[in-house]
Amino acid sequence: MGCGIPKEEFLFSGCLCCYHTCEINSGFPGLICCTQEYEKCCFAGENCCALKGDKSIENPLPVHFKTSGIDDDKLENELMCQIALYCCTCGFKIPVICCKFKTACLFCKGVGAVPWVDEYVTDYVCALCGYRLWPKPMGCTKPPPGMLGAAGAPPAMSPAMER
């Protein structure tokens, strides 16, 4: 399989449980600047510096500091406390995952999760400089089916991070 510049989104790099994709020939990038959503042990948050879209300067995050009044048995997926400014949030929660993230900047996207989260990464990934080694088929190809980017839309935000 030849490796010219792909005309659609392609897997650029990947190592085990995280990967990055690019979409160079999509014309002017739809996302100006960047967005990020993450969960690392007991911290969860998001950063939004995009000019347009759902998470953007046009639609900023609310400014607040809030704490949870939820019973202990319901805290697993909820933030115990959160601070938010117009472009970022950070919260503290009971850990349920080691880490997971999704990012987008201009024509690049990235995701990762340890342990795997099916909406982000469903299988081992190995790619280098736009050439996918695993999962097969090898070559300059789209992200594997079922993974972020392959369906064209990022996964929905977790309920705790919605506006």
N, C-alpha and C. Protein backbone atom coordinates (compact mmCIF):
# COMPACT_ATOMS: atom_id res chain seq x y z
N MET A 1 0.84 -1.17 0.00
CA MET A 1 0.00 0.00 0.00
C MET A 1 0.88 1.23 0.00
N GLY A 2 0.64 2.16 -0.91
CA GLY A 2 1.44 3.38 -1.01
C GLY A 2 1.14 4.32 0.14
N CYS A 3 2.06 5.23 0.39
CA CYS A 3 1.88 6.17 1.50
C CYS A 3 2.02 7.60 1.02
N GLY A 4 1.05 8.10 0.25
CA GLY A 4 1.00 9.51 -0.07
C GLY A 4 0.32 10.22 1.10
N ILE A 5 -0.01 11.50 0.94
CA ILE A 5 -0.74 12.20 1.98
C ILE A 5 -2.18 11.73 1.95
N PRO A 6 -2.67 11.13 3.03
CA PRO A 6 -4.05 10.63 3.05
C PRO A 6 -5.06 11.76 2.88
N LYS A 7 -6.17 11.43 2.25
CA LYS A 7 -7.22 12.42 1.99
C LYS A 7 -8.27 12.44 3.11
N GLU A 8 -8.11 11.61 4.12
CA GLU A 8 -9.02 11.59 5.25
C GLU A 8 -8.22 11.41 6.52
N GLU A 9 -8.91 11.37 7.65
CA GLU A 9 -8.23 11.21 8.92
C GLU A 9 -7.42 9.93 8.95
N PHE A 10 -6.18 10.00 9.45
CA PHE A 10 -5.32 8.82 9.51
C PHE A 10 -4.62 8.75 10.86
N LEU A 11 -4.28 7.54 11.23
CA LEU A 11 -3.55 7.28 12.47
C LEU A 11 -2.12 7.73 12.28
N PHE A 12 -1.65 8.69 13.09
CA PHE A 12 -0.30 9.21 12.93
C PHE A 12 0.70 8.53 13.84
N SER A 13 0.36 8.41 15.13
CA SER A 13 1.26 7.75 16.07
C SER A 13 0.44 7.06 17.15
N GLY A 14 1.00 5.99 17.69
CA GLY A 14 0.30 5.28 18.75
C GLY A 14 1.24 4.36 19.48
N CYS A 15 0.99 4.19 20.77
CA CYS A 15 1.80 3.29 21.58
C CYS A 15 0.89 2.67 22.65
N LEU A 16 0.55 1.40 22.46
CA LEU A 16 -0.27 0.61 23.37
C LEU A 16 -1.66 1.20 23.61
N CYS A 17 -1.80 2.10 24.59
CA CYS A 17 -3.13 2.54 25.01
C CYS A 17 -3.43 4.00 24.67
N CYS A 18 -2.63 4.61 23.80
CA CYS A 18 -2.92 5.97 23.37
C CYS A 18 -2.50 6.14 21.92
N TYR A 19 -3.12 7.10 21.24
CA TYR A 19 -2.76 7.36 19.85
C TYR A 19 -3.17 8.76 19.43
N HIS A 20 -2.61 9.21 18.31
CA HIS A 20 -2.91 10.52 17.74
C HIS A 20 -3.27 10.35 16.26
N THR A 21 -4.24 11.14 15.82
CA THR A 21 -4.65 11.12 14.42
C THR A 21 -4.47 12.51 13.82
N CYS A 22 -4.41 12.56 12.50
CA CYS A 22 -4.33 13.82 11.77
C CYS A 22 -5.29 13.79 10.61
N GLU A 23 -5.75 14.97 10.22
CA GLU A 23 -6.60 15.11 9.04
C GLU A 23 -6.12 16.35 8.30
N ILE A 24 -5.11 16.17 7.45
CA ILE A 24 -4.42 17.29 6.81
C ILE A 24 -5.23 17.89 5.67
N ASN A 25 -5.86 17.07 4.85
CA ASN A 25 -6.54 17.55 3.64
C ASN A 25 -7.99 17.94 3.87
N SER A 26 -8.35 18.34 5.06
CA SER A 26 -9.74 18.69 5.34
C SER A 26 -10.03 20.15 5.04
N GLY A 27 -9.10 20.85 4.40
CA GLY A 27 -9.29 22.28 4.17
C GLY A 27 -8.88 23.04 5.41
N PHE A 28 -9.41 24.23 5.59
CA PHE A 28 -9.10 25.02 6.77
C PHE A 28 -9.60 24.28 7.99
N PRO A 29 -8.78 24.13 9.02
CA PRO A 29 -9.20 23.33 10.18
C PRO A 29 -10.46 23.89 10.83
N GLY A 30 -11.34 22.99 11.21
CA GLY A 30 -12.58 23.39 11.87
C GLY A 30 -12.34 23.82 13.30
N LEU A 31 -11.29 23.35 13.93
CA LEU A 31 -11.00 23.68 15.31
C LEU A 31 -9.80 24.62 15.35
N ILE A 32 -10.02 25.84 15.75
CA ILE A 32 -8.94 26.79 15.88
C ILE A 32 -8.54 26.80 17.36
N CYS A 33 -7.29 26.65 17.63
CA CYS A 33 -6.72 26.51 18.97
C CYS A 33 -6.91 25.08 19.47
N CYS A 34 -7.32 24.87 20.73
CA CYS A 34 -7.30 23.50 21.23
C CYS A 34 -8.35 23.25 22.32
N THR A 35 -8.65 21.97 22.52
CA THR A 35 -9.50 21.52 23.62
C THR A 35 -8.87 20.28 24.24
N GLN A 36 -9.17 20.06 25.49
CA GLN A 36 -8.64 18.88 26.19
C GLN A 36 -9.63 18.49 27.28
N GLU A 37 -9.82 17.19 27.45
CA GLU A 37 -10.59 16.64 28.56
C GLU A 37 -9.74 15.54 29.17
N TYR A 38 -9.63 15.50 30.49
CA TYR A 38 -8.75 14.53 31.12
C TYR A 38 -9.29 14.06 32.46
N GLU A 39 -8.79 12.90 32.85
CA GLU A 39 -9.03 12.36 34.19
C GLU A 39 -7.74 11.65 34.59
N LYS A 40 -7.12 12.09 35.66
CA LYS A 40 -5.86 11.52 36.13
C LYS A 40 -6.01 11.19 37.60
N CYS A 41 -6.09 9.90 37.90
CA CYS A 41 -6.31 9.41 39.26
C CYS A 41 -7.51 10.11 39.88
N CYS A 42 -7.29 11.05 40.79
CA CYS A 42 -8.41 11.68 41.48
C CYS A 42 -8.71 13.08 40.96
N PHE A 43 -8.11 13.49 39.86
CA PHE A 43 -8.37 14.80 39.26
C PHE A 43 -9.07 14.64 37.92
N ALA A 44 -10.00 15.53 37.63
CA ALA A 44 -10.68 15.53 36.34
C ALA A 44 -10.87 16.97 35.92
N GLY A 45 -10.77 17.21 34.63
CA GLY A 45 -10.95 18.58 34.17
C GLY A 45 -10.98 18.69 32.67
N GLU A 46 -11.07 19.91 32.22
CA GLU A 46 -11.04 20.19 30.79
C GLU A 46 -10.50 21.59 30.57
N ASN A 47 -9.92 21.79 29.40
CA ASN A 47 -9.41 23.08 28.97
C ASN A 47 -9.98 23.34 27.59
N CYS A 48 -10.43 24.56 27.34
CA CYS A 48 -11.05 24.89 26.06
C CYS A 48 -10.55 26.24 25.60
N CYS A 49 -9.78 26.26 24.54
CA CYS A 49 -9.29 27.51 23.97
C CYS A 49 -9.69 27.63 22.51
N ALA A 50 -10.74 26.94 22.10
CA ALA A 50 -11.20 26.99 20.72
C ALA A 50 -11.96 28.29 20.48
N LEU A 51 -11.95 28.76 19.22
CA LEU A 51 -12.65 30.00 18.89
C LEU A 51 -14.13 29.78 18.63
N LYS A 52 -14.51 28.60 18.09
CA LYS A 52 -15.90 28.33 17.77
C LYS A 52 -16.26 26.93 18.21
N GLY A 53 -17.56 26.67 18.36
CA GLY A 53 -18.02 25.33 18.70
C GLY A 53 -18.62 25.25 20.09
N ASP A 54 -18.96 24.01 20.49
CA ASP A 54 -19.59 23.76 21.78
C ASP A 54 -18.69 24.16 22.93
N LYS A 55 -17.43 23.76 22.87
CA LYS A 55 -16.46 24.17 23.87
C LYS A 55 -15.61 25.25 23.23
N SER A 56 -15.90 26.51 23.49
CA SER A 56 -15.18 27.57 22.81
C SER A 56 -15.25 28.88 23.57
N ILE A 57 -14.58 29.87 23.05
CA ILE A 57 -14.64 31.21 23.61
C ILE A 57 -16.04 31.78 23.44
N GLU A 58 -16.73 31.39 22.34
CA GLU A 58 -18.11 31.83 22.12
C GLU A 58 -19.07 31.23 23.16
N ASN A 59 -18.76 30.04 23.64
CA ASN A 59 -19.60 29.33 24.60
C ASN A 59 -18.73 28.94 25.80
N PRO A 60 -18.33 29.90 26.63
CA PRO A 60 -17.37 29.61 27.70
C PRO A 60 -17.96 28.75 28.81
N LEU A 61 -17.08 28.13 29.54
CA LEU A 61 -17.48 27.36 30.72
C LEU A 61 -17.96 28.32 31.81
N PRO A 62 -18.86 27.89 32.65
CA PRO A 62 -19.32 28.77 33.74
C PRO A 62 -18.22 28.95 34.79
N VAL A 63 -18.18 30.11 35.41
CA VAL A 63 -17.23 30.37 36.49
C VAL A 63 -17.90 29.96 37.79
N HIS A 64 -17.28 29.02 38.51
CA HIS A 64 -17.88 28.57 39.77
C HIS A 64 -16.89 27.78 40.62
N PHE A 65 -17.26 27.61 41.86
CA PHE A 65 -16.63 26.65 42.75
C PHE A 65 -17.79 25.92 43.41
N LYS A 66 -17.83 24.61 43.24
CA LYS A 66 -18.94 23.87 43.84
C LYS A 66 -18.44 22.60 44.49
N THR A 67 -19.20 22.14 45.45
CA THR A 67 -18.92 20.88 46.13
C THR A 67 -20.14 19.99 45.98
N SER A 68 -19.92 18.69 46.13
CA SER A 68 -20.99 17.72 45.95
C SER A 68 -21.69 17.45 47.26
N GLY A 69 -23.01 17.29 47.20
CA GLY A 69 -23.78 16.91 48.38
C GLY A 69 -24.34 15.51 48.20
N ILE A 70 -23.70 14.71 47.36
CA ILE A 70 -24.20 13.39 47.00
C ILE A 70 -23.76 12.36 48.05
N ASP A 71 -24.58 11.35 48.27
CA ASP A 71 -24.23 10.26 49.19
C ASP A 71 -22.95 9.58 48.74
N ASP A 72 -22.23 8.99 49.70
CA ASP A 72 -20.96 8.33 49.40
C ASP A 72 -21.08 7.24 48.35
N ASP A 73 -22.18 6.50 48.30
CA ASP A 73 -22.30 5.40 47.34
C ASP A 73 -22.52 5.92 45.91
N LYS A 74 -22.83 7.20 45.74
CA LYS A 74 -23.04 7.75 44.41
C LYS A 74 -21.86 8.60 43.94
N LEU A 75 -20.81 8.72 44.73
CA LEU A 75 -19.69 9.59 44.38
C LEU A 75 -18.75 9.01 43.34
N GLU A 76 -18.88 7.74 42.99
CA GLU A 76 -17.92 7.10 42.10
C GLU A 76 -17.73 7.85 40.78
N ASN A 77 -18.81 8.34 40.16
CA ASN A 77 -18.70 9.02 38.88
C ASN A 77 -18.91 10.53 38.99
N GLU A 78 -18.99 11.06 40.18
CA GLU A 78 -19.25 12.47 40.37
C GLU A 78 -18.03 13.17 40.97
N LEU A 79 -17.93 14.44 40.68
CA LEU A 79 -16.87 15.26 41.28
C LEU A 79 -17.26 15.64 42.70
N MET A 80 -16.30 15.57 43.62
CA MET A 80 -16.56 15.98 45.00
C MET A 80 -16.48 17.49 45.12
N CYS A 81 -15.55 18.10 44.37
CA CYS A 81 -15.49 19.55 44.31
C CYS A 81 -14.89 19.93 42.95
N GLN A 82 -15.21 21.13 42.50
CA GLN A 82 -14.74 21.58 41.19
C GLN A 82 -14.61 23.10 41.20
N ILE A 83 -13.55 23.57 40.57
CA ILE A 83 -13.37 24.99 40.35
C ILE A 83 -13.31 25.19 38.84
N ALA A 84 -13.95 26.24 38.36
CA ALA A 84 -14.01 26.47 36.92
C ALA A 84 -13.86 27.95 36.60
N LEU A 85 -13.12 28.22 35.55
CA LEU A 85 -13.01 29.55 34.98
C LEU A 85 -13.56 29.47 33.56
N TYR A 86 -13.47 30.53 32.79
CA TYR A 86 -14.05 30.55 31.45
C TYR A 86 -13.47 29.48 30.52
N CYS A 87 -12.18 29.18 30.66
CA CYS A 87 -11.53 28.28 29.70
C CYS A 87 -11.03 26.98 30.31
N CYS A 88 -11.24 26.74 31.61
CA CYS A 88 -10.73 25.50 32.20
C CYS A 88 -11.52 25.13 33.45
N THR A 89 -11.50 23.84 33.75
CA THR A 89 -12.08 23.33 34.99
C THR A 89 -11.11 22.33 35.59
N CYS A 90 -11.18 22.18 36.89
CA CYS A 90 -10.41 21.15 37.58
C CYS A 90 -11.23 20.69 38.77
N GLY A 91 -11.33 19.38 38.94
CA GLY A 91 -12.13 18.85 40.02
C GLY A 91 -11.44 17.69 40.70
N PHE A 92 -11.93 17.35 41.86
CA PHE A 92 -11.40 16.26 42.67
C PHE A 92 -12.47 15.20 42.79
N LYS A 93 -12.13 13.93 42.54
CA LYS A 93 -13.10 12.85 42.59
C LYS A 93 -12.47 11.58 43.12
N ILE A 94 -13.29 10.62 43.48
CA ILE A 94 -12.79 9.30 43.89
C ILE A 94 -12.25 8.62 42.64
N PRO A 95 -11.01 8.14 42.67
CA PRO A 95 -10.43 7.55 41.47
C PRO A 95 -11.15 6.26 41.03
N VAL A 96 -11.44 6.19 39.74
CA VAL A 96 -12.01 4.97 39.15
C VAL A 96 -11.18 4.51 37.96
N ILE A 97 -10.22 5.33 37.54
CA ILE A 97 -9.35 5.01 36.41
C ILE A 97 -8.00 5.66 36.67
N CYS A 98 -6.95 5.07 36.15
CA CYS A 98 -5.62 5.64 36.34
C CYS A 98 -5.52 6.96 35.56
N CYS A 99 -5.80 6.91 34.26
CA CYS A 99 -5.84 8.15 33.48
C CYS A 99 -6.58 7.92 32.17
N LYS A 100 -7.19 8.98 31.68
CA LYS A 100 -7.77 8.98 30.34
C LYS A 100 -7.77 10.42 29.86
N PHE A 101 -7.62 10.59 28.56
CA PHE A 101 -7.60 11.94 28.01
C PHE A 101 -8.06 11.93 26.57
N LYS A 102 -8.53 13.08 26.13
CA LYS A 102 -8.76 13.31 24.71
C LYS A 102 -8.43 14.76 24.44
N THR A 103 -7.73 15.00 23.35
CA THR A 103 -7.30 16.33 22.99
C THR A 103 -7.57 16.58 21.51
N ALA A 104 -7.68 17.83 21.16
CA ALA A 104 -7.81 18.22 19.76
C ALA A 104 -7.14 19.57 19.59
N CYS A 105 -6.35 19.70 18.54
CA CYS A 105 -5.66 20.95 18.25
C CYS A 105 -5.47 21.06 16.75
N LEU A 106 -6.06 22.07 16.13
CA LEU A 106 -6.02 22.27 14.69
C LEU A 106 -6.48 21.01 13.97
N PHE A 107 -5.60 20.31 13.25
CA PHE A 107 -6.01 19.13 12.49
C PHE A 107 -5.60 17.82 13.16
N CYS A 108 -5.20 17.88 14.43
CA CYS A 108 -4.76 16.68 15.16
C CYS A 108 -5.69 16.37 16.33
N LYS A 109 -5.86 15.09 16.62
CA LYS A 109 -6.63 14.62 17.77
C LYS A 109 -5.80 13.56 18.49
N GLY A 110 -6.02 13.42 19.77
CA GLY A 110 -5.32 12.39 20.53
C GLY A 110 -6.21 11.84 21.63
N VAL A 111 -6.07 10.56 21.92
CA VAL A 111 -6.79 9.93 23.01
C VAL A 111 -5.91 8.88 23.68
N GLY A 112 -6.27 8.56 24.91
CA GLY A 112 -5.56 7.50 25.61
C GLY A 112 -6.30 7.15 26.88
N ALA A 113 -6.09 5.94 27.36
CA ALA A 113 -6.73 5.51 28.60
C ALA A 113 -5.97 4.33 29.19
N VAL A 114 -5.76 4.38 30.51
CA VAL A 114 -5.17 3.27 31.26
C VAL A 114 -6.02 3.07 32.50
N PRO A 115 -6.69 1.96 32.71
CA PRO A 115 -6.89 0.88 31.75
C PRO A 115 -7.81 1.34 30.62
N TRP A 116 -7.96 0.49 29.61
CA TRP A 116 -8.75 0.87 28.44
C TRP A 116 -10.16 1.30 28.79
N VAL A 117 -10.64 2.28 28.07
CA VAL A 117 -12.02 2.73 28.12
C VAL A 117 -12.53 2.57 26.70
N ASP A 118 -13.55 1.74 26.50
CA ASP A 118 -13.98 1.38 25.15
C ASP A 118 -14.32 2.56 24.26
N GLU A 119 -14.81 3.66 24.80
CA GLU A 119 -15.14 4.77 23.94
C GLU A 119 -13.89 5.51 23.44
N TYR A 120 -12.73 5.25 24.02
CA TYR A 120 -11.48 5.89 23.60
C TYR A 120 -10.57 4.92 22.86
N VAL A 121 -10.16 3.85 23.53
CA VAL A 121 -9.22 2.89 22.96
C VAL A 121 -9.75 1.49 23.21
N THR A 122 -9.87 0.68 22.15
CA THR A 122 -10.44 -0.66 22.29
C THR A 122 -9.43 -1.78 22.07
N ASP A 123 -8.24 -1.45 21.60
CA ASP A 123 -7.23 -2.46 21.32
C ASP A 123 -5.85 -1.80 21.37
N TYR A 124 -4.81 -2.63 21.45
CA TYR A 124 -3.46 -2.08 21.40
C TYR A 124 -3.29 -1.31 20.10
N VAL A 125 -2.48 -0.25 20.15
CA VAL A 125 -2.22 0.56 18.98
C VAL A 125 -0.72 0.74 18.85
N CYS A 126 -0.22 0.61 17.64
CA CYS A 126 1.19 0.87 17.38
C CYS A 126 1.29 1.54 16.02
N ALA A 127 1.77 2.77 16.00
CA ALA A 127 1.94 3.51 14.75
C ALA A 127 3.08 4.48 14.93
N LEU A 128 3.75 4.78 13.83
CA LEU A 128 4.89 5.69 13.87
C LEU A 128 4.93 6.49 12.59
N CYS A 129 4.95 7.80 12.71
CA CYS A 129 5.05 8.71 11.55
C CYS A 129 4.02 8.42 10.47
N GLY A 130 2.80 8.15 10.86
CA GLY A 130 1.72 7.93 9.91
C GLY A 130 1.61 6.51 9.38
N TYR A 131 2.47 5.60 9.82
CA TYR A 131 2.42 4.22 9.35
C TYR A 131 1.94 3.33 10.48
N ARG A 132 0.78 2.73 10.30
CA ARG A 132 0.17 1.89 11.33
C ARG A 132 0.76 0.49 11.26
N LEU A 133 1.21 -0.01 12.42
CA LEU A 133 1.76 -1.36 12.52
C LEU A 133 0.77 -2.34 13.15
N TRP A 134 -0.03 -1.83 14.11
CA TRP A 134 -1.03 -2.66 14.77
C TRP A 134 -2.19 -1.80 15.19
N PRO A 135 -3.42 -2.15 15.15
CA PRO A 135 -3.95 -3.38 14.59
C PRO A 135 -3.89 -3.37 13.07
N LYS A 136 -3.96 -4.54 12.51
CA LYS A 136 -3.85 -4.68 11.06
C LYS A 136 -5.10 -4.15 10.39
N PRO A 137 -5.09 -3.70 9.16
CA PRO A 137 -4.00 -3.80 8.20
C PRO A 137 -2.93 -2.74 8.45
N MET A 138 -1.71 -3.09 8.10
CA MET A 138 -0.60 -2.17 8.25
C MET A 138 -0.64 -1.15 7.12
N GLY A 139 -0.02 -0.01 7.35
CA GLY A 139 0.07 1.02 6.32
C GLY A 139 -0.49 2.35 6.78
N CYS A 140 -0.62 3.26 5.85
CA CYS A 140 -1.17 4.59 6.12
C CYS A 140 -2.68 4.49 6.04
N THR A 141 -3.32 4.31 7.18
CA THR A 141 -4.76 4.03 7.19
C THR A 141 -5.49 4.83 8.25
N LYS A 142 -6.79 4.71 8.22
CA LYS A 142 -7.66 5.37 9.20
C LYS A 142 -7.45 4.74 10.57
N PRO A 143 -7.92 5.44 11.63
CA PRO A 143 -7.88 4.83 12.96
C PRO A 143 -8.72 3.55 12.97
N PRO A 144 -8.40 2.59 13.81
CA PRO A 144 -9.17 1.34 13.86
C PRO A 144 -10.65 1.60 14.17
N PRO A 145 -11.55 0.78 13.65
CA PRO A 145 -12.98 0.96 13.91
C PRO A 145 -13.28 0.93 15.40
N GLY A 146 -14.24 1.73 15.81
CA GLY A 146 -14.65 1.76 17.21
C GLY A 146 -13.82 2.69 18.07
N MET A 147 -12.79 3.30 17.50
CA MET A 147 -11.96 4.21 18.27
C MET A 147 -12.28 5.65 17.90
N LEU A 148 -11.91 6.56 18.76
CA LEU A 148 -12.15 7.98 18.54
C LEU A 148 -11.60 8.39 17.19
N GLY A 149 -12.39 9.13 16.44
CA GLY A 149 -11.93 9.60 15.15
C GLY A 149 -12.39 8.71 14.03
N ALA A 150 -12.46 7.41 14.23
CA ALA A 150 -12.87 6.49 13.18
C ALA A 150 -14.31 6.73 12.78
N ALA A 151 -15.14 7.12 13.71
CA ALA A 151 -16.55 7.38 13.41
C ALA A 151 -16.77 8.84 13.05
N GLY A 152 -15.74 9.68 13.18
CA GLY A 152 -15.86 11.07 12.80
C GLY A 152 -16.27 12.00 13.93
N ALA A 153 -16.69 11.48 15.05
CA ALA A 153 -17.12 12.35 16.15
C ALA A 153 -16.48 11.90 17.45
N PRO A 154 -16.05 12.84 18.27
CA PRO A 154 -15.47 12.44 19.55
C PRO A 154 -16.54 11.91 20.48
N PRO A 155 -16.15 11.11 21.48
CA PRO A 155 -17.14 10.61 22.42
C PRO A 155 -17.74 11.74 23.23
N ALA A 156 -18.93 11.52 23.73
CA ALA A 156 -19.61 12.53 24.53
C ALA A 156 -18.85 12.74 25.83
N MET A 157 -19.02 13.93 26.38
CA MET A 157 -18.37 14.24 27.66
C MET A 157 -19.07 13.47 28.77
N SER A 158 -18.34 13.19 29.82
CA SER A 158 -18.92 12.50 30.96
C SER A 158 -19.95 13.43 31.62
N PRO A 159 -20.97 12.85 32.28
CA PRO A 159 -21.99 13.68 32.90
C PRO A 159 -21.44 14.68 33.91
N ALA A 160 -20.37 14.34 34.60
CA ALA A 160 -19.82 15.22 35.59
C ALA A 160 -19.18 16.47 34.98
N MET A 161 -18.81 16.41 33.69
CA MET A 161 -18.12 17.51 33.05
C MET A 161 -19.03 18.32 32.14
N GLU A 162 -20.29 17.94 31.99
CA GLU A 162 -21.18 18.71 31.13
C GLU A 162 -21.47 20.05 31.77
N ARG A 163 -21.85 21.00 30.93
CA ARG A 163 -22.15 22.35 31.41
C ARG A 163 -23.49 22.40 32.05
